[in-house]
Protein backbone atom coordinates (compact mmCIF):
# COMPACT_ATOMS: atom_id res chain seq x y z
CA UNK A 1 -0.08 0.05 0.02
CA UNK A 2 1.37 3.42 -0.96
CA UNK A 3 2.18 5.71 1.70
CA UNK A 4 0.62 9.71 1.79
CA UNK A 5 3.69 10.85 0.31
CA UNK A 6 4.13 8.39 -2.32
CA UNK A 7 0.47 9.28 -3.64
CA UNK A 8 1.49 12.66 -3.72
CA UNK A 9 4.45 12.05 -5.82
CA UNK A 10 2.46 9.76 -8.14
CA UNK A 11 -0.48 12.37 -8.45
CA UNK A 12 2.40 15.23 -9.24
CA UNK A 13 3.73 13.02 -11.58
CA UNK A 14 0.40 12.45 -13.20
CA UNK A 15 -0.12 16.18 -13.53
CA UNK A 16 3.14 16.80 -15.26
CA UNK A 17 2.52 14.07 -17.78
CA UNK A 18 -1.02 15.23 -18.21
CA UNK A 19 0.22 18.90 -18.96
CA UNK A 20 2.89 17.21 -21.58
CA UNK A 21 0.32 15.33 -23.42
CA UNK A 22 -1.78 18.51 -23.45
CA UNK A 23 0.90 20.48 -24.78
CA UNK A 24 1.41 17.88 -27.37
CA UNK A 25 -2.31 18.20 -28.54
CA UNK A 26 -1.72 21.70 -29.69
CA UNK A 27 0.42 20.30 -32.60
CA UNK A 28 -2.24 17.85 -33.56
CA UNK A 29 -5.54 17.99 -35.29
CA UNK A 30 -9.04 16.30 -34.52
CA UNK A 31 -8.94 12.65 -35.25
CA UNK A 32 -5.02 12.40 -34.93
CA UNK A 33 -3.73 9.36 -33.33
CA UNK A 34 -1.26 9.62 -30.50
CA UNK A 35 1.83 7.60 -30.23
CA UNK A 36 1.36 4.04 -28.47
CA UNK A 37 1.41 4.22 -24.85
CA UNK A 38 4.75 2.33 -24.75
CA UNK A 39 6.53 4.98 -27.14
CA UNK A 40 4.80 8.06 -25.54
CA UNK A 41 6.06 6.59 -22.18
CA UNK A 42 9.34 6.00 -23.33
CA UNK A 43 9.64 9.54 -24.78
CA UNK A 44 8.05 11.33 -21.47
CA UNK A 45 9.99 9.19 -19.32
CA UNK A 46 7.63 7.69 -17.08
CA UNK A 47 5.83 4.51 -16.41
CA UNK A 48 2.69 3.25 -18.34
CA UNK A 49 0.46 3.11 -15.35
CA UNK A 50 1.42 6.92 -14.71
CA UNK A 51 0.80 7.67 -18.37
CA UNK A 52 -2.16 5.57 -18.79
CA UNK A 53 -3.82 7.66 -15.69
CA UNK A 54 -3.09 10.86 -17.14
CA UNK A 55 -4.79 9.56 -20.55
CA UNK A 56 -7.85 8.28 -18.74
CA UNK A 57 -8.09 11.86 -17.06
CA UNK A 58 -7.77 13.65 -20.56
CA UNK A 59 -10.45 10.92 -21.95
CA UNK A 60 -12.85 12.41 -19.05
CA UNK A 61 -12.31 15.65 -19.85
CA UNK A 62 -13.48 14.77 -23.49
CA UNK A 63 -10.12 15.90 -25.04
CA UNK A 64 -8.97 12.41 -26.20
CA UNK A 65 -11.01 9.50 -27.42
CA UNK A 66 -9.79 5.94 -26.58
CA UNK A 67 -10.94 3.22 -29.31
CA UNK A 68 -10.59 -0.27 -27.95
CA UNK A 69 -8.00 -2.03 -30.40
CA UNK A 70 -7.31 0.84 -32.40
CA UNK A 71 -5.73 3.50 -30.15
CA UNK A 72 -6.08 6.85 -28.57
CA UNK A 73 -7.16 9.90 -30.81
CA UNK A 74 -7.50 13.61 -30.47
CA UNK A 75 -11.50 14.02 -29.78
CA UNK A 76 -13.83 16.56 -31.46
CA UNK A 77 -14.20 19.62 -28.85
CA UNK A 78 -17.75 19.34 -26.91
CA UNK A 79 -20.29 21.97 -27.37
CA UNK A 80 -20.95 23.69 -24.00
CA UNK A 81 -24.84 24.26 -23.57
CA UNK A 82 -26.51 26.09 -20.87
CA UNK A 83 -30.13 24.52 -19.66
CA UNK A 84 -32.31 27.33 -21.04
CA UNK A 85 -35.19 26.64 -22.92
CA UNK A 86 -34.41 27.41 -26.27
CA UNK A 87 -34.42 25.26 -29.47
CA UNK A 88 -31.65 23.22 -30.60
CA UNK A 89 -31.04 25.63 -33.73
CA UNK A 90 -30.90 28.60 -31.44
CA UNK A 91 -28.17 26.48 -28.95
CA UNK A 92 -25.93 26.07 -31.99
CA UNK A 93 -25.97 29.27 -33.54
CA UNK A 94 -25.32 31.09 -30.52
CA UNK A 95 -22.12 29.06 -30.26
CA UNK A 96 -21.16 30.23 -33.70
CA UNK A 97 -22.06 26.85 -35.40
CA UNK A 98 -24.23 26.31 -38.30
CA UNK A 99 -27.40 24.05 -37.28
CA UNK A 100 -29.30 21.40 -39.25
CA UNK A 101 -31.71 18.83 -39.23
CA UNK A 102 -32.51 15.88 -41.48
CA UNK A 103 -36.10 14.34 -41.21
CA UNK A 104 -35.27 10.30 -40.98
CA UNK A 105 -39.21 9.53 -40.60
CA UNK A 106 -42.37 11.62 -41.01
CA UNK A 107 -45.82 9.56 -39.98
CA UNK A 108 -49.06 10.24 -38.71
CA UNK A 109 -49.94 7.40 -36.05
CA UNK A 110 -52.43 7.46 -33.33
CA UNK A 111 -51.01 8.90 -29.93
CA UNK A 112 -51.33 5.70 -27.92
CA UNK A 113 -51.89 5.57 -23.80
CA UNK A 114 -48.29 7.18 -23.11
CA UNK A 115 -48.15 9.84 -25.59
CA UNK A 116 -52.19 10.86 -25.34
CA UNK A 117 -51.66 11.07 -21.33
CA UNK A 118 -48.65 13.49 -22.26
CA UNK A 119 -50.35 15.70 -24.74
CA UNK A 120 -53.69 15.64 -22.93
CA UNK A 121 -55.63 14.12 -25.87
CA UNK A 122 -57.03 10.73 -26.78
CA UNK A 123 -54.99 7.60 -27.13
CA UNK A 124 -56.91 7.62 -30.52
CA UNK A 125 -56.45 10.99 -31.57
CA UNK A 126 -53.78 11.31 -34.55
CA UNK A 127 -50.41 12.83 -34.07
CA UNK A 128 -47.28 13.47 -36.07
CA UNK A 129 -44.34 11.45 -35.07
CA UNK A 130 -41.37 12.92 -36.69
CA UNK A 131 -37.62 11.61 -36.27
CA UNK A 132 -35.03 14.03 -37.07
CA UNK A 133 -31.23 13.99 -37.11
CA UNK A 134 -29.86 17.14 -35.47
CA UNK A 135 -26.38 18.40 -36.80
CA UNK A 136 -23.98 21.38 -36.15
CA UNK A 137 -21.53 22.14 -38.70
CA UNK A 138 -22.83 19.09 -40.66
CA UNK A 139 -21.56 16.78 -37.79
CA UNK A 140 -24.02 14.50 -35.85
CA UNK A 141 -24.93 15.69 -32.40
CA UNK A 142 -28.23 14.06 -31.64
CA UNK A 143 -31.40 12.02 -32.71
CA UNK A 144 -34.71 13.33 -31.55
CA UNK A 145 -38.23 11.82 -32.19
CA UNK A 146 -41.03 14.54 -31.79
CA UNK A 147 -44.50 13.73 -30.99
CA UNK A 148 -47.39 16.82 -31.51
CA UNK A 149 -50.77 16.63 -32.00
CA UNK A 150 -52.09 16.63 -35.67
CA UNK A 151 -54.80 18.93 -34.88
CA UNK A 152 -52.50 21.70 -33.65
CA UNK A 153 -50.73 21.98 -37.26
CA UNK A 154 -52.99 19.94 -39.57
CA UNK A 155 -50.93 20.87 -42.90
CA UNK A 156 -47.35 20.10 -41.28
CA UNK A 157 -45.26 18.73 -44.14
CA UNK A 158 -41.98 17.18 -43.99
CA UNK A 159 -40.16 19.94 -45.90
CA UNK A 160 -41.15 22.49 -43.07
CA UNK A 161 -38.65 20.87 -41.05
CA UNK A 162 -35.94 20.22 -43.12
CA UNK A 163 -33.01 22.48 -42.14
CA UNK A 164 -34.92 24.76 -39.66
CA UNK A 165 -35.91 25.18 -36.33
CA UNK A 166 -39.41 24.09 -35.37
CA UNK A 167 -40.01 26.71 -32.84
CA UNK A 168 -39.51 28.96 -35.51
CA UNK A 169 -42.26 27.20 -37.73
CA UNK A 170 -44.50 27.34 -34.48
CA UNK A 171 -44.06 31.43 -34.22
CA UNK A 172 -44.90 31.69 -37.35
CA UNK A 173 -48.29 29.98 -36.86
CA UNK A 174 -48.76 32.01 -33.85
CA UNK A 175 -48.15 29.36 -31.66
CA UNK A 176 -45.71 30.68 -28.66
CA UNK A 177 -43.79 27.91 -26.24
CA UNK A 178 -44.34 29.66 -22.74
CA UNK A 179 -43.28 26.68 -20.62
CA UNK A 180 -41.59 23.59 -20.22
CA UNK A 181 -40.27 20.48 -18.28
CA UNK A 182 -37.40 18.71 -19.13
CA UNK A 183 -35.60 15.60 -17.73
CA UNK A 184 -31.87 14.58 -18.50
CA UNK A 185 -30.19 11.38 -17.71
CA UNK A 186 -27.04 9.43 -18.73
CA UNK A 187 -27.74 6.48 -21.25
CA UNK A 188 -26.03 4.58 -23.95
CA UNK A 189 -26.69 4.65 -27.47
CA UNK A 190 -29.01 1.51 -28.90
CA UNK A 191 -27.92 -0.01 -32.33
CA UNK A 192 -30.38 1.89 -34.13
CA UNK A 193 -29.10 5.21 -32.64
CA UNK A 194 -25.48 4.55 -32.88
CA UNK A 195 -26.09 3.95 -36.67
CA UNK A 196 -27.79 7.01 -37.37
CA UNK A 197 -25.15 9.34 -35.01
CA UNK A 198 -22.26 7.55 -36.44
CA UNK A 199 -20.92 6.27 -33.00
CA UNK A 200 -20.33 2.78 -31.49
CA UNK A 201 -23.16 1.04 -29.92
CA UNK A 202 -23.63 1.52 -26.33
CA UNK A 203 -21.53 4.67 -26.79
CA UNK A 204 -21.88 7.30 -23.89
CA UNK A 205 -25.24 9.69 -24.30
CA UNK A 206 -27.55 11.89 -22.99
CA UNK A 207 -31.32 11.51 -23.00
CA UNK A 208 -33.68 14.23 -22.88
CA UNK A 209 -37.20 14.30 -22.64
CA UNK A 210 -39.17 17.43 -23.04
CA UNK A 211 -42.76 18.45 -22.98
CA UNK A 212 -43.50 22.10 -23.69
CA UNK A 213 -46.85 23.94 -23.02
CA UNK A 214 -48.21 27.23 -25.04
CA UNK A 215 -49.23 30.40 -23.26
CA UNK A 216 -52.76 28.91 -22.64
CA UNK A 217 -51.16 26.00 -20.95
CA UNK A 218 -51.66 23.34 -23.45
CA UNK A 219 -49.00 20.66 -24.03
CA UNK A 220 -47.66 21.18 -27.49
CA UNK A 221 -44.94 18.76 -28.32
CA UNK A 222 -43.49 15.69 -26.35
CA UNK A 223 -39.66 15.48 -27.53
CA UNK A 224 -37.06 12.53 -26.98
CA UNK A 225 -33.62 13.40 -27.83
CA UNK A 226 -30.41 11.08 -27.60
CA UNK A 227 -27.24 13.43 -27.90
CA UNK A 228 -23.79 12.17 -28.18
CA UNK A 229 -21.82 12.16 -25.07
CA UNK A 230 -18.67 12.64 -26.84
CA UNK A 231 -19.94 16.01 -28.50
CA UNK A 232 -22.23 17.56 -26.03
CA UNK A 233 -21.75 19.04 -22.34
CA UNK A 234 -23.90 20.80 -20.30
CA UNK A 235 -23.31 24.07 -18.19
CA UNK A 236 -24.99 25.13 -15.01
CA UNK A 237 -24.96 28.45 -13.93
CA UNK A 238 -25.39 28.27 -9.96
CA UNK A 239 -26.30 31.00 -7.23
CA UNK A 240 -26.85 30.89 -3.82
CA UNK A 241 -30.08 30.35 -2.18
CA UNK A 242 -31.86 33.43 -0.83
CA UNK A 243 -31.61 33.73 2.90
């Protein structure tokens, strides 16, 4: 068992190695491979366990991407998104990225019990069920499934949702989103989600479920979105409680 002094020395070495690897990343581009652990440990003059611990930390920070059986690569930078009620398109545009979307499926179905309950409609009432791939600078970010009552926008077309914000379309029709409730949890991608997003099966992801309401308090949409965990980061602004 390591003593306290030995642990401190080990942690100091790990920080030094982390900083050296970070400096190395400045000369590499996204997708470039790092040298093998054996070669890198020799170049930096450290043990492989110390190097591996430093790289694990950079993987956790989203700066490196370790691929089983392949190696370690410079990761795509994560998009930091504050938790506010804005659309995906507004979030990406605010960060200087070009938002986009591709409609994967566009169907009219009966609501069923679960969606009917969320949207306050009969299970037999018709709803639009729309699956979209969300893009930022042409890179995949999320896959979402949108449910909304057909009676709300009876003439909605697939073309209305290609490459534009759904909220913008609602505003043009005089429908204003006033409030919303959203849950977020960690998940992993299914085989179908992984194929669409271009990531491995069971890759880390965020699951968002959002229910929004109009100014009159009526449900407008229920959306289930799966975001790539390697491209997306949440930001919270914390304030002290009033006393």
